[in-house]
Amino acid sequence: MQKKATLNLEYNRYFLDIAYNGAIYHGWQVQNNVLTIQGIIKESLYKVLNKDLEIVGSSRTDTGVHAKQQIAHVDLPDSVDVTQLQYKLNCILPKDIAIKKIYPVKNNSHARFSAIDRTYHYNIVYCKSPFYHDFFYNYRNSITWDIDNMNNSASILHGNIDFRNFSKNKLDLVSSFCNVLYAKWHTTTNGFMFVITANRFLRGMVRIIVGLMIKIGDQKLDKFKFECMLNSEYKIGISKVAPPCGLVLERISYDTNIFVNE
């Protein structure tokens, strides 16, 4: 049981299962003088519990990126009724952030480091619609894409690979290896969806991959050049990075032994 000596209370760890439309937010992580998902949830916890609690997310989604499942851990006093807490948080959180569930985990569980893998979806449509603009990238040229050819190129992403050159912050990386378990394009009703699962992702990695694969779809880049960009210090310009609107953190996976049965 974790102790907080200054408050003389017993605390237990919980996972928050969170969904959000990230369109107006500067990403997940708290930053000074800008609106962030973590910051809003932290403020809401304070309003409900009158306690300044730390919350730690499983993945640091960037500005404008969405999540169907973001997991964050928080340590709550024994006295807190988590069902009531979930209800009260959802009452005061803005309409574009929702707490889907709060559930107990073992006290040494960590939202980020205990995660086994993460799955992102990137959605592209080739027809304009007012219902798509927040969550899809409207790219009309995609109607001509050869998805088999794009998936042939995506196959080089599988395995434990150094993705340093597909990161926004190359200089700050301690490790740039990511183990990609799945990377594939799928046809949807009005476009395409790229699905990628890995044990971890570097900052901007998925948007860089998608941006380059859009060039492959447009036949402005081939598999050989794509692999050269991955394995070299080739400078990838901002024009080759896909916009954030189409990117969704879809799922976080954990070993079931970290959960506490109630």
Protein backbone atom coordinates (compact mmCIF):
# COMPACT_ATOMS: atom_id res chain seq x y z
CA MET A 1 0.00 0.00 0.00
CA GLN A 2 1.44 3.37 -1.01
CA LYS A 3 1.78 6.01 1.72
CA LYS A 4 1.68 9.78 1.51
CA ALA A 5 3.17 10.83 4.82
CA THR A 6 2.23 14.48 4.56
CA LEU A 7 -1.47 13.63 4.25
CA ASN A 8 -1.40 10.48 6.37
CA LEU A 9 -3.70 8.74 3.88
CA GLU A 10 -3.52 5.44 2.05
CA TYR A 11 -3.50 5.69 -1.72
CA ASN A 12 -4.18 3.08 -4.38
CA ARG A 13 -3.36 3.25 -8.07
CA TYR A 14 -6.03 3.43 -10.76
CA PHE A 15 -6.03 3.55 -14.53
CA LEU A 16 -8.18 6.17 -16.27
CA ASP A 17 -9.46 5.05 -19.68
CA ILE A 18 -9.77 8.33 -21.62
CA ALA A 19 -11.07 9.34 -25.05
CA TYR A 20 -10.68 12.76 -26.64
CA ASN A 21 -10.98 14.88 -29.73
CA GLY A 22 -7.59 16.56 -29.76
CA ALA A 23 -8.35 19.16 -32.44
CA ILE A 24 -8.06 22.24 -30.20
CA TYR A 25 -5.41 20.90 -27.80
CA HIS A 26 -1.63 21.17 -27.85
CA GLY A 27 -1.27 17.43 -27.30
CA TRP A 28 -1.49 15.31 -24.18
CA GLN A 29 1.38 16.57 -22.03
CA VAL A 30 1.07 19.59 -19.73
CA GLN A 31 2.80 22.70 -21.08
CA ASN A 32 2.89 26.29 -19.91
CA ASN A 33 0.26 28.68 -21.25
CA VAL A 34 -1.38 26.25 -23.68
CA LEU A 35 -4.39 23.94 -23.52
CA THR A 36 -3.53 20.24 -23.07
CA ILE A 37 -5.50 17.08 -22.30
CA GLN A 38 -3.39 16.18 -19.26
CA GLY A 39 -3.71 19.72 -17.93
CA ILE A 40 -7.51 19.77 -18.24
CA ILE A 41 -7.91 16.39 -16.52
CA LYS A 42 -5.52 17.38 -13.73
CA GLU A 43 -7.50 20.57 -13.12
CA SER A 44 -10.76 18.61 -13.11
CA LEU A 45 -9.42 16.13 -10.55
CA TYR A 46 -8.50 19.05 -8.32
CA LYS A 47 -11.99 20.55 -8.62
CA VAL A 48 -13.65 17.27 -7.64
CA LEU A 49 -11.23 16.03 -4.94
CA ASN A 50 -9.54 19.26 -3.82
CA LYS A 51 -6.19 17.48 -4.19
CA ASP A 52 -3.29 18.17 -6.52
CA LEU A 53 -2.79 14.71 -8.02
CA GLU A 54 -0.22 13.64 -10.59
CA ILE A 55 -1.47 11.77 -13.65
CA VAL A 56 0.85 9.93 -16.04
CA GLY A 57 -0.21 9.04 -19.58
CA SER A 58 0.64 6.00 -21.65
CA SER A 59 1.45 7.97 -24.81
CA ARG A 60 2.26 11.63 -25.47
CA THR A 61 -0.02 12.41 -28.38
CA ASP A 62 0.95 15.53 -30.34
CA THR A 63 -1.00 18.71 -31.07
CA GLY A 64 -4.26 17.95 -32.89
CA VAL A 65 -4.04 14.16 -32.44
CA HIS A 66 -7.03 12.23 -31.07
CA ALA A 67 -7.45 9.17 -28.83
CA LYS A 68 -10.12 6.52 -28.56
CA GLN A 69 -8.14 5.00 -25.72
CA GLN A 70 -5.53 6.92 -23.79
CA ILE A 71 -4.59 5.35 -20.46
CA ALA A 72 -3.32 7.40 -17.52
CA HIS A 73 -2.56 6.30 -13.98
CA VAL A 74 -3.37 8.23 -10.83
CA ASP A 75 -3.05 7.47 -7.11
CA LEU A 76 -6.35 8.01 -5.27
CA PRO A 77 -7.14 7.98 -1.53
CA ASP A 78 -9.00 4.93 -0.22
CA SER A 79 -11.97 7.13 0.60
CA VAL A 80 -12.68 8.00 -3.05
CA ASP A 81 -15.70 6.38 -4.69
CA VAL A 82 -14.39 5.87 -8.23
CA THR A 83 -17.87 5.45 -9.74
CA GLN A 84 -18.86 8.84 -8.39
CA LEU A 85 -15.50 10.27 -9.41
CA GLN A 86 -15.99 9.17 -13.01
CA TYR A 87 -19.49 10.69 -13.06
CA LYS A 88 -18.36 14.00 -11.57
CA LEU A 89 -15.34 14.29 -13.86
CA ASN A 90 -17.47 13.72 -16.95
CA CYS A 91 -19.88 16.40 -15.72
CA ILE A 92 -17.19 19.08 -15.63
CA LEU A 93 -14.83 17.97 -18.39
CA PRO A 94 -15.37 19.68 -21.77
CA LYS A 95 -17.44 17.83 -24.35
CA ASP A 96 -14.36 16.72 -26.30
CA ILE A 97 -12.83 14.75 -23.37
CA ALA A 98 -14.44 11.72 -21.71
CA ILE A 99 -13.42 9.32 -18.92
CA LYS A 100 -14.73 5.96 -20.18
CA LYS A 101 -13.73 3.94 -17.13
CA ILE A 102 -11.67 4.03 -13.91
CA TYR A 103 -10.34 0.71 -12.67
CA PRO A 104 -7.88 -0.44 -9.99
CA VAL A 105 -4.45 -1.78 -10.83
CA LYS A 106 -1.51 -3.00 -8.78
CA ASN A 107 0.38 -0.15 -7.14
CA ASN A 108 3.55 -0.78 -9.15
CA SER A 109 1.67 -0.56 -12.48
CA HIS A 110 2.63 2.29 -14.79
CA ALA A 111 0.47 3.61 -17.63
CA ARG A 112 3.50 4.12 -19.88
CA PHE A 113 6.09 1.55 -18.85
CA SER A 114 3.67 -1.32 -18.18
CA ALA A 115 2.14 -1.05 -21.66
CA ILE A 116 2.91 -3.96 -23.98
CA ASP A 117 2.04 -2.20 -27.21
CA ARG A 118 0.15 0.72 -28.70
CA THR A 119 -1.97 0.91 -31.86
CA TYR A 120 -2.51 4.02 -33.97
CA HIS A 121 -4.90 4.49 -36.89
CA TYR A 122 -4.44 7.12 -39.58
CA ASN A 123 -7.59 7.84 -41.61
CA ILE A 124 -7.67 9.32 -45.11
CA VAL A 125 -10.71 10.09 -47.27
CA TYR A 126 -10.84 11.21 -50.89
CA CYS A 127 -14.22 12.97 -50.68
CA LYS A 128 -14.90 16.16 -48.77
CA SER A 129 -17.46 15.98 -45.95
CA PRO A 130 -18.26 18.23 -42.97
CA PHE A 131 -18.43 15.05 -40.86
CA TYR A 132 -14.87 14.00 -41.70
CA HIS A 133 -12.76 17.11 -41.18
CA ASP A 134 -11.88 16.59 -37.50
CA PHE A 135 -10.85 12.95 -37.73
CA PHE A 136 -9.84 12.34 -41.35
CA TYR A 137 -7.30 13.80 -43.74
CA ASN A 138 -9.13 14.77 -46.92
CA TYR A 139 -6.69 13.86 -49.69
CA ARG A 140 -8.46 13.59 -53.03
CA ASN A 141 -5.51 12.06 -54.90
CA SER A 142 -5.81 8.94 -52.72
CA ILE A 143 -8.62 7.64 -54.94
CA THR A 144 -5.94 6.50 -57.42
CA TRP A 145 -3.70 4.71 -54.91
CA ASP A 146 -2.44 1.17 -55.38
CA ILE A 147 -2.75 -0.17 -51.81
CA ASP A 148 -0.95 -3.44 -52.61
CA ASN A 149 2.10 -1.44 -53.67
CA MET A 150 1.89 0.71 -50.53
CA ASN A 151 1.66 -2.36 -48.31
CA ASN A 152 4.69 -3.84 -50.05
CA SER A 153 6.60 -0.74 -48.92
CA ALA A 154 5.04 -0.84 -45.43
CA SER A 155 6.45 -4.35 -44.96
CA ILE A 156 9.95 -2.94 -44.35
CA LEU A 157 8.69 -1.35 -41.10
CA HIS A 158 8.16 -4.69 -39.34
CA GLY A 159 10.55 -5.78 -36.59
CA ASN A 160 12.82 -4.10 -34.06
CA ILE A 161 14.18 -1.21 -36.14
CA ASP A 162 16.01 2.05 -35.53
CA PHE A 163 13.46 4.77 -36.35
CA ARG A 164 15.70 7.70 -35.39
CA ASN A 165 15.29 9.33 -38.78
CA PHE A 166 11.50 9.10 -38.47
CA SER A 167 11.42 11.20 -35.30
CA LYS A 168 10.92 14.91 -34.67
CA ASN A 169 13.42 15.03 -31.80
CA LYS A 170 16.43 12.98 -32.96
CA LEU A 171 18.89 14.73 -30.64
CA ASP A 172 16.99 13.97 -27.41
CA LEU A 173 16.59 10.23 -27.97
CA VAL A 174 18.14 7.77 -25.52
CA SER A 175 16.91 4.86 -27.64
CA SER A 176 15.34 5.07 -31.09
CA PHE A 177 14.54 1.39 -31.63
CA CYS A 178 10.85 0.44 -31.89
CA ASN A 179 9.47 -3.04 -32.39
CA VAL A 180 6.72 -2.74 -35.01
CA LEU A 181 4.36 -5.70 -34.82
CA TYR A 182 1.90 -4.64 -37.53
CA ALA A 183 1.85 -2.00 -40.27
CA LYS A 184 -0.72 -2.16 -43.04
CA TRP A 185 -3.09 -0.08 -45.16
CA HIS A 186 -6.78 -1.03 -45.31
CA THR A 187 -9.51 0.10 -47.71
CA THR A 188 -12.47 1.91 -46.10
CA THR A 189 -15.80 3.14 -47.49
CA ASN A 190 -14.47 6.47 -48.80
CA GLY A 191 -10.73 6.12 -48.44
CA PHE A 192 -8.02 4.29 -46.54
CA MET A 193 -6.81 3.59 -43.03
CA PHE A 194 -3.22 2.90 -42.00
CA VAL A 195 -2.93 0.69 -38.90
CA ILE A 196 0.34 0.39 -37.00
CA THR A 197 1.10 -1.41 -33.73
CA ALA A 198 4.42 -1.21 -31.88
CA ASN A 199 5.84 -1.49 -28.40
CA ARG A 200 6.63 2.24 -28.51
CA PHE A 201 6.61 5.21 -30.87
CA LEU A 202 8.93 8.17 -31.29
CA ARG A 203 7.60 11.71 -31.45
CA GLY A 204 5.99 12.35 -34.84
CA MET A 205 6.92 8.87 -36.06
CA VAL A 206 3.50 7.78 -37.36
CA ARG A 207 2.82 11.07 -39.15
CA ILE A 208 6.23 10.93 -40.83
CA ILE A 209 5.63 7.35 -41.97
CA VAL A 210 2.17 8.21 -43.32
CA GLY A 211 3.44 11.37 -45.00
CA LEU A 212 6.11 9.41 -46.86
CA MET A 213 3.68 6.65 -47.78
CA ILE A 214 1.36 9.25 -49.28
CA LYS A 215 4.28 10.05 -51.62
CA ILE A 216 4.47 6.32 -52.45
CA GLY A 217 0.73 6.31 -53.22
CA ASP A 218 1.26 9.29 -55.51
CA GLN A 219 4.17 7.45 -57.19
CA LYS A 220 6.61 10.18 -56.15
CA LEU A 221 8.54 7.79 -53.92
CA ASP A 222 9.35 4.07 -54.19
CA LYS A 223 10.12 1.31 -51.70
CA PHE A 224 13.89 1.62 -52.20
CA LYS A 225 13.96 5.37 -51.48
CA PHE A 226 11.58 4.89 -48.54
CA GLU A 227 13.98 2.35 -47.01
CA CYS A 228 16.93 4.67 -47.65
CA MET A 229 15.14 7.45 -45.75
CA LEU A 230 14.55 5.09 -42.84
CA ASN A 231 18.17 3.95 -42.67
CA SER A 232 20.03 7.17 -43.44
CA GLU A 233 20.33 10.71 -42.10
CA TYR A 234 18.18 12.02 -44.94
CA LYS A 235 16.43 15.22 -43.84
CA ILE A 236 12.65 14.79 -43.92
CA GLY A 237 10.98 18.17 -44.49
CA ILE A 238 7.70 19.31 -42.97
CA SER A 239 5.97 18.90 -46.36
CA LYS A 240 6.39 15.13 -45.99
CA VAL A 241 4.69 14.94 -42.56
CA ALA A 242 0.98 14.02 -42.60
CA PRO A 243 -1.35 16.46 -40.76
CA PRO A 244 -2.47 15.50 -37.24
CA CYS A 245 -6.23 15.45 -37.93
CA GLY A 246 -6.23 11.88 -39.28
CA LEU A 247 -4.24 10.31 -36.42
CA VAL A 248 -5.98 8.45 -33.59
CA LEU A 249 -4.45 6.58 -30.66
CA GLU A 250 -6.70 3.55 -30.94
CA ARG A 251 -5.67 1.09 -28.23
CA ILE A 252 -3.14 0.41 -25.44
CA SER A 253 -2.48 -3.21 -24.44
CA TYR A 254 -1.40 -4.43 -20.99
CA ASP A 255 -0.72 -7.77 -19.35
CA THR A 256 -3.88 -8.75 -17.46
CA ASN A 257 -1.90 -9.55 -14.29
CA ILE A 258 -1.58 -5.84 -13.44
CA PHE A 259 -5.32 -5.44 -12.88
CA VAL A 260 -6.97 -5.84 -9.50
CA ASN A 261 -10.18 -7.87 -9.29
CA GLU A 262 -12.84 -6.04 -7.34
